[in-house]
Structures are given as structure tokens and as C-alpha cells.
Amino acid sequence: MTLIYKIVPRQLWQQAKHIGLFTGATVDLVDGFIHLSAAGQVEETAAKHFAGQHELLLVAVEAEDLGDDLRWEASRGGASFPHLYAPLRVDSARSVEPLPVGADGRHDFAGLLPVGKSA
């Protein structure tokens, strides 16, 4: 089992729950796929793309559940990132947790990632 993650504004996830599908945030719609991160990548993703943002959720899904619509492609610095070329079924989420902002202004992933996977 390989958990991968999507950082989602709470309001977008609430909307997705009504239709059962998360079709993506603006950047996902523009790029034509849903940006996801592996456990070892998600903290950097938060710092780079979501700095200072509140009301975020960390959605975990099993990579194996996404089938052929999931592709690992070179992205930031040549690292392979998971990209989903289909809507994400809300019921495929293994967990959906609030992503708090710590006193230092960075998102606090304590207890949200598998042991040994956080940066």
C-alpha cells in the first residue's frame, strides 16, 4: 500500500462531497491533472504552494486504488510526482484530516504522515 496525498481547501472538498468527485483545484484544472504528492514530498508541496493558507485538508488515498489514471511524472527538480488524470472519487479517500498551521507559520504534519516519511 502506497499512500499519496492531496492538499485541498476545505471548501473545495465540501463541494466535492456533494457530487462524490473532486475534479481539482484551479491549478489542477489548468494543468489537466490532479497534483498529488508522496509522503516524502507533501510537506515541501505545502510550503511551496500553500504557505500561510488556513482551512486546508490533507486527503490520503492509496495509489493502487487509482489504477491507470495515476502516472508518476517528472516535476519539481526532476523528482517523480503522482498525477491523477481523472477526477478523484471522494469515497476513495483513506483519510481526510485538517492541516493546521503551526506557530512558525508552516503547516503542521505531526501525526498525519507515516512514521519516517516527513521531512
PDB file of N, CA and C in Angstrom:
ATOM      1  N   MET A   1       0.847  -1.182   0.000  1.00  0.00           N
ATOM      2  CA  MET A   1       0.000   0.000   0.000  1.00  0.00           C
ATOM      3  C   MET A   1       0.893   1.247   0.000  1.00  0.00           C
ATOM      4  N   THR A   2       0.635   2.134  -0.940  1.00  0.00           N
ATOM      5  CA  THR A   2       1.370   3.390  -1.046  1.00  0.00           C
ATOM      6  C   THR A   2       0.389   4.540  -0.900  1.00  0.00           C
ATOM      7  N   LEU A   3       0.458   5.236   0.227  1.00  0.00           N
ATOM      8  CA  LEU A   3      -0.410   6.398   0.405  1.00  0.00           C
ATOM      9  C   LEU A   3       0.185   7.600  -0.309  1.00  0.00           C
ATOM     10  N   ILE A   4      -0.671   8.327  -1.006  1.00  0.00           N
ATOM     11  CA  ILE A   4      -0.301   9.590  -1.624  1.00  0.00           C
ATOM     12  C   ILE A   4      -1.304  10.631  -1.153  1.00  0.00           C
ATOM     13  N   TYR A   5      -0.963  11.901  -1.326  1.00  0.00           N
ATOM     14  CA  TYR A   5      -1.708  12.956  -0.650  1.00  0.00           C
ATOM     15  C   TYR A   5      -2.092  14.104  -1.580  1.00  0.00           C
ATOM     16  N   LYS A   6      -3.235  14.696  -1.250  1.00  0.00           N
ATOM     17  CA  LYS A   6      -3.700  15.910  -1.916  1.00  0.00           C
ATOM     18  C   LYS A   6      -4.028  16.922  -0.832  1.00  0.00           C
ATOM     19  N   ILE A   7      -3.466  18.105  -0.954  1.00  0.00           N
ATOM     20  CA  ILE A   7      -3.822  19.213  -0.067  1.00  0.00           C
ATOM     21  C   ILE A   7      -4.966  19.955  -0.741  1.00  0.00           C
ATOM     22  N   VAL A   8      -6.073  20.070  -0.016  1.00  0.00           N
ATOM     23  CA  VAL A   8      -7.302  20.608  -0.609  1.00  0.00           C
ATOM     24  C   VAL A   8      -7.893  21.679   0.308  1.00  0.00           C
ATOM     25  N   PRO A   9      -8.261  22.826  -0.235  1.00  0.00           N
ATOM     26  CA  PRO A   9      -9.025  23.783   0.574  1.00  0.00           C
ATOM     27  C   PRO A   9     -10.322  23.125   1.059  1.00  0.00           C
ATOM     28  N   ARG A  10     -10.630  23.315   2.320  1.00  0.00           N
ATOM     29  CA  ARG A  10     -11.806  22.689   2.936  1.00  0.00           C
ATOM     30  C   ARG A  10     -13.074  22.908   2.102  1.00  0.00           C
ATOM     31  N   GLN A  11     -13.269  24.126   1.612  1.00  0.00           N
ATOM     32  CA  GLN A  11     -14.485  24.441   0.857  1.00  0.00           C
ATOM     33  C   GLN A  11     -14.579  23.592  -0.417  1.00  0.00           C
ATOM     34  N   LEU A  12     -13.468  23.388  -1.116  1.00  0.00           N
ATOM     35  CA  LEU A  12     -13.492  22.565  -2.333  1.00  0.00           C
ATOM     36  C   LEU A  12     -13.830  21.114  -2.015  1.00  0.00           C
ATOM     37  N   TRP A  13     -13.306  20.593  -0.909  1.00  0.00           N
ATOM     38  CA  TRP A  13     -13.601  19.202  -0.545  1.00  0.00           C
ATOM     39  C   TRP A  13     -15.073  19.058  -0.154  1.00  0.00           C
ATOM     40  N   GLN A  14     -15.600  20.059   0.533  1.00  0.00           N
ATOM     41  CA  GLN A  14     -17.026  20.015   0.890  1.00  0.00           C
ATOM     42  C   GLN A  14     -17.891  19.986  -0.374  1.00  0.00           C
ATOM     43  N   GLN A  15     -17.522  20.779  -1.374  1.00  0.00           N
ATOM     44  CA  GLN A  15     -18.257  20.772  -2.641  1.00  0.00           C
ATOM     45  C   GLN A  15     -18.140  19.411  -3.314  1.00  0.00           C
ATOM     46  N   ALA A  16     -16.951  18.833  -3.283  1.00  0.00           N
ATOM     47  CA  ALA A  16     -16.725  17.533  -3.910  1.00  0.00           C
ATOM     48  C   ALA A  16     -17.557  16.450  -3.237  1.00  0.00           C
ATOM     49  N   LYS A  17     -17.727  16.538  -1.934  1.00  0.00           N
ATOM     50  CA  LYS A  17     -18.508  15.539  -1.218  1.00  0.00           C
ATOM     51  C   LYS A  17     -19.956  15.498  -1.714  1.00  0.00           C
ATOM     52  N   HIS A  18     -20.472  16.631  -2.152  1.00  0.00           N
ATOM     53  CA  HIS A  18     -21.858  16.685  -2.626  1.00  0.00           C
ATOM     54  C   HIS A  18     -22.052  15.915  -3.932  1.00  0.00           C
ATOM     55  N   ILE A  19     -21.017  15.882  -4.770  1.00  0.00           N
ATOM     56  CA  ILE A  19     -21.146  15.170  -6.049  1.00  0.00           C
ATOM     57  C   ILE A  19     -20.375  13.850  -6.073  1.00  0.00           C
ATOM     58  N   GLY A  20     -19.586  13.626  -5.022  1.00  0.00           N
ATOM     59  CA  GLY A  20     -18.841  12.383  -4.926  1.00  0.00           C
ATOM     60  C   GLY A  20     -17.519  12.373  -5.657  1.00  0.00           C
ATOM     61  N   LEU A  21     -17.168  13.494  -6.290  1.00  0.00           N
ATOM     62  CA  LEU A  21     -15.922  13.579  -7.057  1.00  0.00           C
ATOM     63  C   LEU A  21     -15.217  14.897  -6.791  1.00  0.00           C
ATOM     64  N   PHE A  22     -13.903  14.806  -6.632  1.00  0.00           N
ATOM     65  CA  PHE A  22     -13.070  16.005  -6.571  1.00  0.00           C
ATOM     66  C   PHE A  22     -12.455  16.153  -7.960  1.00  0.00           C
ATOM     67  N   THR A  23     -12.828  17.212  -8.658  1.00  0.00           N
ATOM     68  CA  THR A  23     -12.345  17.402 -10.030  1.00  0.00           C
ATOM     69  C   THR A  23     -11.065  18.225 -10.094  1.00  0.00           C
ATOM     70  N   GLY A  24     -10.671  18.805  -8.959  1.00  0.00           N
ATOM     71  CA  GLY A  24      -9.417  19.531  -8.906  1.00  0.00           C
ATOM     72  C   GLY A  24      -9.579  20.979  -8.502  1.00  0.00           C
ATOM     73  N   ALA A  25      -8.470  21.527  -8.030  1.00  0.00           N
ATOM     74  CA  ALA A  25      -8.380  22.953  -7.742  1.00  0.00           C
ATOM     75  C   ALA A  25      -8.036  23.663  -9.052  1.00  0.00           C
ATOM     76  N   THR A  26      -7.985  24.955  -9.036  1.00  0.00           N
ATOM     77  CA  THR A  26      -7.723  25.731 -10.253  1.00  0.00           C
ATOM     78  C   THR A  26      -6.461  25.266 -10.963  1.00  0.00           C
ATOM     79  N   VAL A  27      -5.358  25.084 -10.234  1.00  0.00           N
ATOM     80  CA  VAL A  27      -4.102  24.662 -10.867  1.00  0.00           C
ATOM     81  C   VAL A  27      -4.250  23.286 -11.519  1.00  0.00           C
ATOM     82  N   ASP A  28      -5.017  22.406 -10.897  1.00  0.00           N
ATOM     83  CA  ASP A  28      -5.243  21.076 -11.468  1.00  0.00           C
ATOM     84  C   ASP A  28      -6.028  21.181 -12.779  1.00  0.00           C
ATOM     85  N   LEU A  29      -7.051  22.001 -12.769  1.00  0.00           N
ATOM     86  CA  LEU A  29      -7.884  22.164 -13.968  1.00  0.00           C
ATOM     87  C   LEU A  29      -7.065  22.766 -15.109  1.00  0.00           C
ATOM     88  N   VAL A  30      -6.219  23.728 -14.797  1.00  0.00           N
ATOM     89  CA  VAL A  30      -5.371  24.351 -15.817  1.00  0.00           C
ATOM     90  C   VAL A  30      -4.368  23.338 -16.384  1.00  0.00           C
ATOM     91  N   ASP A  31      -3.768  22.536 -15.514  1.00  0.00           N
ATOM     92  CA  ASP A  31      -2.736  21.588 -15.950  1.00  0.00           C
ATOM     93  C   ASP A  31      -3.296  20.304 -16.554  1.00  0.00           C
ATOM     94  N   GLY A  32      -4.573  20.030 -16.333  1.00  0.00           N
ATOM     95  CA  GLY A  32      -5.197  18.851 -16.928  1.00  0.00           C
ATOM     96  C   GLY A  32      -5.034  17.573 -16.126  1.00  0.00           C
ATOM     97  N   PHE A  33      -4.598  17.692 -14.873  1.00  0.00           N
ATOM     98  CA  PHE A  33      -4.492  16.546 -13.983  1.00  0.00           C
ATOM     99  C   PHE A  33      -4.499  17.046 -12.542  1.00  0.00           C
ATOM    100  N   ILE A  34      -4.790  16.135 -11.617  1.00  0.00           N
ATOM    101  CA  ILE A  34      -4.782  16.482 -10.199  1.00  0.00           C
ATOM    102  C   ILE A  34      -3.387  16.221  -9.649  1.00  0.00           C
ATOM    103  N   HIS A  35      -2.795  17.272  -9.104  1.00  0.00           N
ATOM    104  CA  HIS A  35      -1.462  17.183  -8.497  1.00  0.00           C
ATOM    105  C   HIS A  35      -1.561  16.474  -7.153  1.00  0.00           C
ATOM    106  N   LEU A  36      -0.762  15.465  -6.967  1.00  0.00           N
ATOM    107  CA  LEU A  36      -0.679  14.735  -5.711  1.00  0.00           C
ATOM    108  C   LEU A  36       0.781  14.711  -5.264  1.00  0.00           C
ATOM    109  N   SER A  37       1.024  14.276  -4.045  1.00  0.00           N
ATOM    110  CA  SER A  37       2.383  14.186  -3.518  1.00  0.00           C
ATOM    111  C   SER A  37       2.544  12.889  -2.750  1.00  0.00           C
ATOM    112  N   ALA A  38       3.732  12.317  -2.825  1.00  0.00           N
ATOM    113  CA  ALA A  38       4.084  11.186  -1.973  1.00  0.00           C
ATOM    114  C   ALA A  38       4.312  11.710  -0.565  1.00  0.00           C
ATOM    115  N   ALA A  39       4.371  10.805   0.393  1.00  0.00           N
ATOM    116  CA  ALA A  39       4.545  11.204   1.791  1.00  0.00           C
ATOM    117  C   ALA A  39       5.796  12.048   1.993  1.00  0.00           C
ATOM    118  N   GLY A  40       6.875  11.716   1.315  1.00  0.00           N
ATOM    119  CA  GLY A  40       8.116  12.454   1.461  1.00  0.00           C
ATOM    120  C   GLY A  40       8.154  13.772   0.714  1.00  0.00           C
ATOM    121  N   GLN A  41       7.092  14.082  -0.030  1.00  0.00           N
ATOM    122  CA  GLN A  41       7.037  15.302  -0.844  1.00  0.00           C
ATOM    123  C   GLN A  41       6.023  16.320  -0.343  1.00  0.00           C
ATOM    124  N   VAL A  42       5.039  15.868   0.422  1.00  0.00           N
ATOM    125  CA  VAL A  42       3.874  16.703   0.704  1.00  0.00           C
ATOM    126  C   VAL A  42       4.195  17.921   1.574  1.00  0.00           C
ATOM    127  N   GLU A  43       5.164  17.806   2.471  1.00  0.00           N
ATOM    128  CA  GLU A  43       5.498  18.979   3.292  1.00  0.00           C
ATOM    129  C   GLU A  43       6.122  20.076   2.439  1.00  0.00           C
ATOM    130  N   GLU A  44       6.975  19.709   1.497  1.00  0.00           N
ATOM    131  CA  GLU A  44       7.556  20.701   0.593  1.00  0.00           C
ATOM    132  C   GLU A  44       6.475  21.310  -0.302  1.00  0.00           C
ATOM    133  N   THR A  45       5.544  20.475  -0.736  1.00  0.00           N
ATOM    134  CA  THR A  45       4.427  20.970  -1.545  1.00  0.00           C
ATOM    135  C   THR A  45       3.640  22.022  -0.763  1.00  0.00           C
ATOM    136  N   ALA A  46       3.356  21.731   0.500  1.00  0.00           N
ATOM    137  CA  ALA A  46       2.614  22.681   1.335  1.00  0.00           C
ATOM    138  C   ALA A  46       3.370  23.996   1.466  1.00  0.00           C
ATOM    139  N   ALA A  47       4.674  23.904   1.729  1.00  0.00           N
ATOM    140  CA  ALA A  47       5.486  25.111   1.910  1.00  0.00           C
ATOM    141  C   ALA A  47       5.569  25.930   0.626  1.00  0.00           C
ATOM    142  N   LYS A  48       5.659  25.258  -0.505  1.00  0.00           N
ATOM    143  CA  LYS A  48       5.840  25.948  -1.785  1.00  0.00           C
ATOM    144  C   LYS A  48       4.536  26.531  -2.340  1.00  0.00           C
ATOM    145  N   HIS A  49       3.442  25.785  -2.199  1.00  0.00           N
ATOM    146  CA  HIS A  49       2.200  26.176  -2.874  1.00  0.00           C
ATOM    147  C   HIS A  49       1.067  26.624  -1.943  1.00  0.00           C
ATOM    148  N   PHE A  50       1.209  26.371  -0.635  1.00  0.00           N
ATOM    149  CA  PHE A  50       0.109  26.676   0.288  1.00  0.00           C
ATOM    150  C   PHE A  50       0.567  27.476   1.506  1.00  0.00           C
ATOM    151  N   ALA A  51       1.727  28.097   1.433  1.00  0.00           N
ATOM    152  CA  ALA A  51       2.286  28.827   2.575  1.00  0.00           C
ATOM    153  C   ALA A  51       1.273  29.831   3.132  1.00  0.00           C
ATOM    154  N   GLY A  52       1.069  29.753   4.439  1.00  0.00           N
ATOM    155  CA  GLY A  52       0.195  30.699   5.122  1.00  0.00           C
ATOM    156  C   GLY A  52      -1.288  30.469   4.929  1.00  0.00           C
ATOM    157  N   GLN A  53      -1.671  29.472   4.165  1.00  0.00           N
ATOM    158  CA  GLN A  53      -3.094  29.222   3.918  1.00  0.00           C
ATOM    159  C   GLN A  53      -3.687  28.374   5.038  1.00  0.00           C
ATOM    160  N   HIS A  54      -4.839  28.790   5.475  1.00  0.00           N
ATOM    161  CA  HIS A  54      -5.583  28.083   6.512  1.00  0.00           C
ATOM    162  C   HIS A  54      -6.748  27.349   5.859  1.00  0.00           C
ATOM    163  N   GLU A  55      -7.475  26.587   6.664  1.00  0.00           N
ATOM    164  CA  GLU A  55      -8.662  25.867   6.195  1.00  0.00           C
ATOM    165  C   GLU A  55      -8.329  24.873   5.087  1.00  0.00           C
ATOM    166  N   LEU A  56      -7.202  24.170   5.268  1.00  0.00           N
ATOM    167  CA  LEU A  56      -6.792  23.139   4.317  1.00  0.00           C
ATOM    168  C   LEU A  56      -7.008  21.764   4.930  1.00  0.00           C
ATOM    169  N   LEU A  57      -7.206  20.788   4.051  1.00  0.00           N
ATOM    170  CA  LEU A  57      -7.322  19.396   4.452  1.00  0.00           C
ATOM    171  C   LEU A  57      -6.223  18.599   3.775  1.00  0.00           C
ATOM    172  N   LEU A  58      -5.781  17.542   4.439  1.00  0.00           N
ATOM    173  CA  LEU A  58      -4.842  16.607   3.862  1.00  0.00           C
ATOM    174  C   LEU A  58      -5.613  15.321   3.575  1.00  0.00           C
ATOM    175  N   VAL A  59      -5.772  15.040   2.298  1.00  0.00           N
ATOM    176  CA  VAL A  59      -6.520  13.866   1.852  1.00  0.00           C
ATOM    177  C   VAL A  59      -5.517  12.792   1.454  1.00  0.00           C
ATOM    178  N   ALA A  60      -5.654  11.608   2.044  1.00  0.00           N
ATOM    179  CA  ALA A  60      -4.778  10.478   1.729  1.00  0.00           C
ATOM    180  C   ALA A  60      -5.552   9.452   0.917  1.00  0.00           C
ATOM    181  N   VAL A  61      -4.930   8.962  -0.142  1.00  0.00           N
ATOM    182  CA  VAL A  61      -5.515   7.896  -0.964  1.00  0.00           C
ATOM    183  C   VAL A  61      -4.436   6.847  -1.241  1.00  0.00           C
ATOM    184  N   GLU A  62      -4.871   5.641  -1.502  1.00  0.00           N
ATOM    185  CA  GLU A  62      -3.930   4.597  -1.879  1.00  0.00           C
ATOM    186  C   GLU A  62      -3.663   4.698  -3.372  1.00  0.00           C
ATOM    187  N   ALA A  63      -2.407   4.790  -3.729  1.00  0.00           N
ATOM    188  CA  ALA A  63      -2.030   4.907  -5.140  1.00  0.00           C
ATOM    189  C   ALA A  63      -2.604   3.749  -5.947  1.00  0.00           C
ATOM    190  N   GLU A  64      -2.572   2.569  -5.379  1.00  0.00           N
ATOM    191  CA  GLU A  64      -3.036   1.383  -6.101  1.00  0.00           C
ATOM    192  C   GLU A  64      -4.526   1.434  -6.438  1.00  0.00           C
ATOM    193  N   ASP A  65      -5.297   2.205  -5.684  1.00  0.00           N
ATOM    194  CA  ASP A  65      -6.739   2.327  -5.942  1.00  0.00           C
ATOM    195  C   ASP A  65      -7.046   3.178  -7.170  1.00  0.00           C
ATOM    196  N   LEU A  66      -6.064   3.934  -7.651  1.00  0.00           N
ATOM    197  CA  LEU A  66      -6.320   4.895  -8.729  1.00  0.00           C
ATOM    198  C   LEU A  66      -6.089   4.313 -10.120  1.00  0.00           C
ATOM    199  N   GLY A  67      -5.512   3.135 -10.185  1.00  0.00           N
ATOM    200  CA  GLY A  67      -5.351   2.433 -11.460  1.00  0.00           C
ATOM    201  C   GLY A  67      -4.495   3.172 -12.463  1.00  0.00           C
ATOM    202  N   ASP A  68      -4.843   2.974 -13.734  1.00  0.00           N
ATOM    203  CA  ASP A  68      -4.061   3.530 -14.838  1.00  0.00           C
ATOM    204  C   ASP A  68      -4.192   5.043 -14.986  1.00  0.00           C
ATOM    205  N   ASP A  69      -5.138   5.649 -14.264  1.00  0.00           N
ATOM    206  CA  ASP A  69      -5.289   7.107 -14.325  1.00  0.00           C
ATOM    207  C   ASP A  69      -4.199   7.832 -13.540  1.00  0.00           C
ATOM    208  N   LEU A  70      -3.451   7.086 -12.718  1.00  0.00           N
ATOM    209  CA  LEU A  70      -2.355   7.663 -11.946  1.00  0.00           C
ATOM    210  C   LEU A  70      -1.047   7.442 -12.690  1.00  0.00           C
ATOM    211  N   ARG A  71      -0.305   8.530 -12.872  1.00  0.00           N
ATOM    212  CA  ARG A  71       1.006   8.457 -13.522  1.00  0.00           C
ATOM    213  C   ARG A  71       2.024   9.186 -12.654  1.00  0.00           C
ATOM    214  N   TRP A  72       3.196   8.574 -12.524  1.00  0.00           N
ATOM    215  CA  TRP A  72       4.310   9.211 -11.819  1.00  0.00           C
ATOM    216  C   TRP A  72       5.148   9.906 -12.875  1.00  0.00           C
ATOM    217  N   GLU A  73       5.230  11.231 -12.774  1.00  0.00           N
ATOM    218  CA  GLU A  73       5.896  12.021 -13.805  1.00  0.00           C
ATOM    219  C   GLU A  73       6.902  12.985 -13.186  1.00  0.00           C
ATOM    220  N   ALA A  74       7.945  13.267 -13.955  1.00  0.00           N
ATOM    221  CA  ALA A  74       8.975  14.201 -13.501  1.00  0.00           C
ATOM    222  C   ALA A  74       8.360  15.586 -13.327  1.00  0.00           C
ATOM    223  N   SER A  75       8.712  16.198 -12.217  1.00  0.00           N
ATOM    224  CA  SER A  75       8.214  17.527 -11.924  1.00  0.00           C
ATOM    225  C   SER A  75       9.330  18.301 -11.254  1.00  0.00           C
ATOM    226  N   ARG A  76       9.044  18.921 -10.118  1.00  0.00           N
ATOM    227  CA  ARG A  76       9.967  19.764  -9.382  1.00  0.00           C
ATOM    228  C   ARG A  76      11.345  19.115  -9.247  1.00  0.00           C
ATOM    229  N   GLY A  77      12.357  19.715  -9.849  1.00  0.00           N
ATOM    230  CA  GLY A  77      13.724  19.225  -9.721  1.00  0.00           C
ATOM    231  C   GLY A  77      13.943  17.844 -10.307  1.00  0.00           C
ATOM    232  N   GLY A  78      13.043  17.405 -11.180  1.00  0.00           N
ATOM    233  CA  GLY A  78      13.181  16.091 -11.798  1.00  0.00           C
ATOM    234  C   GLY A  78      12.617  14.951 -10.967  1.00  0.00           C
ATOM    235  N   ALA A  79      12.100  15.230  -9.769  1.00  0.00           N
ATOM    236  CA  ALA A  79      11.508  14.189  -8.926  1.00  0.00           C
ATOM    237  C   ALA A  79      10.205  13.703  -9.548  1.00  0.00           C
ATOM    238  N   SER A  80       9.895  12.448  -9.348  1.00  0.00           N
ATOM    239  CA  SER A  80       8.635  11.881  -9.844  1.00  0.00           C
ATOM    240  C   SER A  80       7.517  12.179  -8.855  1.00  0.00           C
ATOM    241  N   PHE A  81       6.473  12.817  -9.359  1.00  0.00           N
ATOM    242  CA  PHE A  81       5.292  13.135  -8.559  1.00  0.00           C
ATOM    243  C   PHE A  81       4.095  12.396  -9.129  1.00  0.00           C
ATOM    244  N   PRO A  82       3.155  12.001  -8.275  1.00  0.00           N
ATOM    245  CA  PRO A  82       1.940  11.354  -8.764  1.00  0.00           C
ATOM    246  C   PRO A  82       0.959  12.388  -9.313  1.00  0.00           C
ATOM    247  N   HIS A  83       0.479  12.108 -10.513  1.00  0.00           N
ATOM    248  CA  HIS A  83      -0.521  12.962 -11.174  1.00  0.00           C
ATOM    249  C   HIS A  83      -1.711  12.090 -11.543  1.00  0.00           C
ATOM    250  N   LEU A  84      -2.907  12.544 -11.202  1.00  0.00           N
ATOM    251  CA  LEU A  84      -4.129  11.797 -11.480  1.00  0.00           C
ATOM    252  C   LEU A  84      -4.856  12.420 -12.656  1.00  0.00           C
ATOM    253  N   TYR A  85      -5.010  11.645 -13.719  1.00  0.00           N
ATOM    254  CA  TYR A  85      -5.666  12.106 -14.942  1.00  0.00           C
ATOM    255  C   TYR A  85      -7.128  11.687 -14.972  1.00  0.00           C
ATOM    256  N   ALA A  86      -7.815  11.919 -13.897  1.00  0.00           N
ATOM    257  CA  ALA A  86      -9.245  11.627 -13.752  1.00  0.00           C
ATOM    258  C   ALA A  86      -9.706  12.315 -12.473  1.00  0.00           C
ATOM    259  N   PRO A  87     -10.999  12.505 -12.317  1.00  0.00           N
ATOM    260  CA  PRO A  87     -11.468  13.024 -11.035  1.00  0.00           C
ATOM    261  C   PRO A  87     -11.137  12.031  -9.911  1.00  0.00           C
ATOM    262  N   LEU A  88     -10.968  12.542  -8.721  1.00  0.00           N
ATOM    263  CA  LEU A  88     -10.707  11.719  -7.548  1.00  0.00           C
ATOM    264  C   LEU A  88     -12.040  11.410  -6.868  1.00  0.00           C
ATOM    265  N   ARG A  89     -12.357  10.141  -6.767  1.00  0.00           N
ATOM    266  CA  ARG A  89     -13.589   9.752  -6.080  1.00  0.00           C
ATOM    267  C   ARG A  89     -13.446  10.062  -4.593  1.00  0.00           C
ATOM    268  N   VAL A  90     -14.384  10.774  -4.043  1.00  0.00           N
ATOM    269  CA  VAL A  90     -14.357  11.144  -2.632  1.00  0.00           C
ATOM    270  C   VAL A  90     -14.311   9.892  -1.759  1.00  0.00           C
ATOM    271  N   ASP A  91     -15.011   8.847  -2.162  1.00  0.00           N
ATOM    272  CA  ASP A  91     -15.042   7.630  -1.347  1.00  0.00           C
ATOM    273  C   ASP A  91     -13.741   6.831  -1.411  1.00  0.00           C
ATOM    274  N   SER A  92     -12.800   7.259  -2.236  1.00  0.00           N
ATOM    275  CA  SER A  92     -11.501   6.589  -2.275  1.00  0.00           C
ATOM    276  C   SER A  92     -10.538   7.140  -1.215  1.00  0.00           C
ATOM    277  N   ALA A  93     -10.921   8.214  -0.552  1.00  0.00           N
ATOM    278  CA  ALA A  93     -10.069   8.803   0.480  1.00  0.00           C
ATOM    279  C   ALA A  93      -9.947   7.855   1.665  1.00  0.00           C
ATOM    280  N   ARG A  94      -8.712   7.538   2.047  1.00  0.00           N
ATOM    281  CA  ARG A  94      -8.457   6.695   3.226  1.00  0.00           C
ATOM    282  C   ARG A  94      -8.539   7.527   4.498  1.00  0.00           C
ATOM    283  N   SER A  95      -8.199   8.801   4.376  1.00  0.00           N
ATOM    284  CA  SER A  95      -8.356   9.728   5.496  1.00  0.00           C
ATOM    285  C   SER A  95      -8.459  11.138   4.956  1.00  0.00           C
ATOM    286  N   VAL A  96      -9.132  11.976   5.701  1.00  0.00           N
ATOM    287  CA  VAL A  96      -9.257  13.403   5.403  1.00  0.00           C
ATOM    288  C   VAL A  96      -9.070  14.110   6.743  1.00  0.00           C
ATOM    289  N   GLU A  97      -7.957  14.810   6.876  1.00  0.00           N
ATOM    290  CA  GLU A  97      -7.606  15.433   8.150  1.00  0.00           C
ATOM    291  C   GLU A  97      -7.339  16.919   7.973  1.00  0.00           C
ATOM    292  N   PRO A  98      -7.717  17.728   8.963  1.00  0.00           N
ATOM    293  CA  PRO A  98      -7.344  19.143   8.926  1.00  0.00           C
ATOM    294  C   PRO A  98      -5.822  19.273   8.906  1.00  0.00           C
ATOM    295  N   LEU A  99      -5.341  20.260   8.164  1.00  0.00           N
ATOM    296  CA  LEU A  99      -3.904  20.528   8.072  1.00  0.00           C
ATOM    297  C   LEU A  99      -3.637  21.863   8.766  1.00  0.00           C
ATOM    298  N   PRO A 100      -3.322  21.809  10.049  1.00  0.00           N
ATOM    299  CA  PRO A 100      -3.160  23.057  10.810  1.00  0.00           C
ATOM    300  C   PRO A 100      -1.876  23.797  10.459  1.00  0.00           C
ATOM    301  N   VAL A 101      -1.895  25.074  10.766  1.00  0.00           N
ATOM    302  CA  VAL A 101      -0.714  25.914  10.615  1.00  0.00           C
ATOM    303  C   VAL A 101      -0.110  26.092  12.003  1.00  0.00           C
ATOM    304  N   GLY A 102       1.170  25.783  12.128  1.00  0.00           N
ATOM    305  CA  GLY A 102       1.856  25.885  13.407  1.00  0.00           C
ATOM    306  C   GLY A 102       2.214  27.316  13.755  1.00  0.00           C
ATOM    307  N   ALA A 103       2.736  27.492  14.947  1.00  0.00           N
ATOM    308  CA  ALA A 103       3.130  28.819  15.433  1.00  0.00           C
ATOM    309  C   ALA A 103       4.202  29.454  14.555  1.00  0.00           C
ATOM    310  N   ASP A 104       4.990  28.617  13.861  1.00  0.00           N
ATOM    311  CA  ASP A 104       6.047  29.134  12.991  1.00  0.00           C
ATOM    312  C   ASP A 104       5.535  29.505  11.600  1.00  0.00           C
ATOM    313  N   GLY A 105       4.219  29.331  11.363  1.00  0.00           N
ATOM    314  CA  GLY A 105       3.630  29.680  10.075  1.00  0.00           C
ATOM    315  C   GLY A 105       3.651  28.560   9.055  1.00  0.00           C
ATOM    316  N   ARG A 106       4.314  27.463   9.395  1.00  0.00           N
ATOM    317  CA  ARG A 106       4.363  26.308   8.487  1.00  0.00           C
ATOM    318  C   ARG A 106       3.243  25.338   8.866  1.00  0.00           C
ATOM    319  N   HIS A 107       2.816  24.555   7.892  1.00  0.00           N
ATOM    320  CA  HIS A 107       1.793  23.559   8.177  1.00  0.00           C
ATOM    321  C   HIS A 107       2.373  22.460   9.061  1.00  0.00           C
ATOM    322  N   ASP A 108       1.561  22.010   9.994  1.00  0.00           N
ATOM    323  CA  ASP A 108       1.994  21.029  10.986  1.00  0.00           C
ATOM    324  C   ASP A 108       1.482  19.644  10.586  1.00  0.00           C
ATOM    325  N   PHE A 109       2.394  18.802  10.144  1.00  0.00           N
ATOM    326  CA  PHE A 109       2.059  17.455   9.681  1.00  0.00           C
ATOM    327  C   PHE A 109       2.184  16.405  10.776  1.00  0.00           C
ATOM    328  N   ALA A 110       2.409  16.827  12.021  1.00  0.00           N
ATOM    329  CA  ALA A 110       2.591  15.880  13.120  1.00  0.00           C
ATOM    330  C   ALA A 110       1.409  14.919  13.187  1.00  0.00           C
ATOM    331  N   GLY A 111       1.711  13.638  13.153  1.00  0.00           N
ATOM    332  CA  GLY A 111       0.684  12.604  13.247  1.00  0.00           C
ATOM    333  C   GLY A 111      -0.112  12.367  11.984  1.00  0.00           C
ATOM    334  N   LEU A 112       0.191  13.090  10.914  1.00  0.00           N
ATOM    335  CA  LEU A 112      -0.579  12.948   9.675  1.00  0.00           C
ATOM    336  C   LEU A 112       0.084  12.055   8.634  1.00  0.00           C
ATOM    337  N   LEU A 113       1.388  11.831   8.768  1.00  0.00           N
ATOM    338  CA  LEU A 113       2.130  11.048   7.774  1.00  0.00           C
ATOM    339  C   LEU A 113       2.684   9.798   8.433  1.00  0.00           C
ATOM    340  N   PRO A 114       2.940   8.764   7.636  1.00  0.00           N
ATOM    341  CA  PRO A 114       3.563   7.565   8.195  1.00  0.00           C
ATOM    342  C   PRO A 114       4.885   7.915   8.871  1.00  0.00           C
ATOM    343  N   VAL A 115       5.211   7.227   9.916  1.00  0.00           N
ATOM    344  CA  VAL A 115       6.456   7.460  10.656  1.00  0.00           C
ATOM    345  C   VAL A 115       7.643   7.347   9.709  1.00  0.00           C
ATOM    346  N   GLY A 116       8.545   8.315   9.798  1.00  0.00           N
ATOM    347  CA  GLY A 116       9.754   8.310   8.979  1.00  0.00           C
ATOM    348  C   GLY A 116       9.563   8.893   7.597  1.00  0.00           C
ATOM    349  N   LYS A 117       8.380   9.424   7.275  1.00  0.00           N
ATOM    350  CA  LYS A 117       8.131   9.961   5.939  1.00  0.00           C
ATOM    351  C   LYS A 117       8.104  11.468   5.901  1.00  0.00           C
ATOM    352  N   SER A 118       8.061  12.123   7.035  1.00  0.00           N
ATOM    353  CA  SER A 118       8.005  13.582   6.999  1.00  0.00           C
ATOM    354  C   SER A 118       9.413  14.130   6.840  1.00  0.00           C
ATOM    355  N   ALA A 119       9.466  15.341   6.322  1.00  0.00           N
ATOM    356  CA  ALA A 119      10.768  15.986   6.068  1.00  0.00           C
ATOM    357  C   ALA A 119      11.408  16.471   7.338  1.00  0.00           C
TER     358      ALA A 119
END
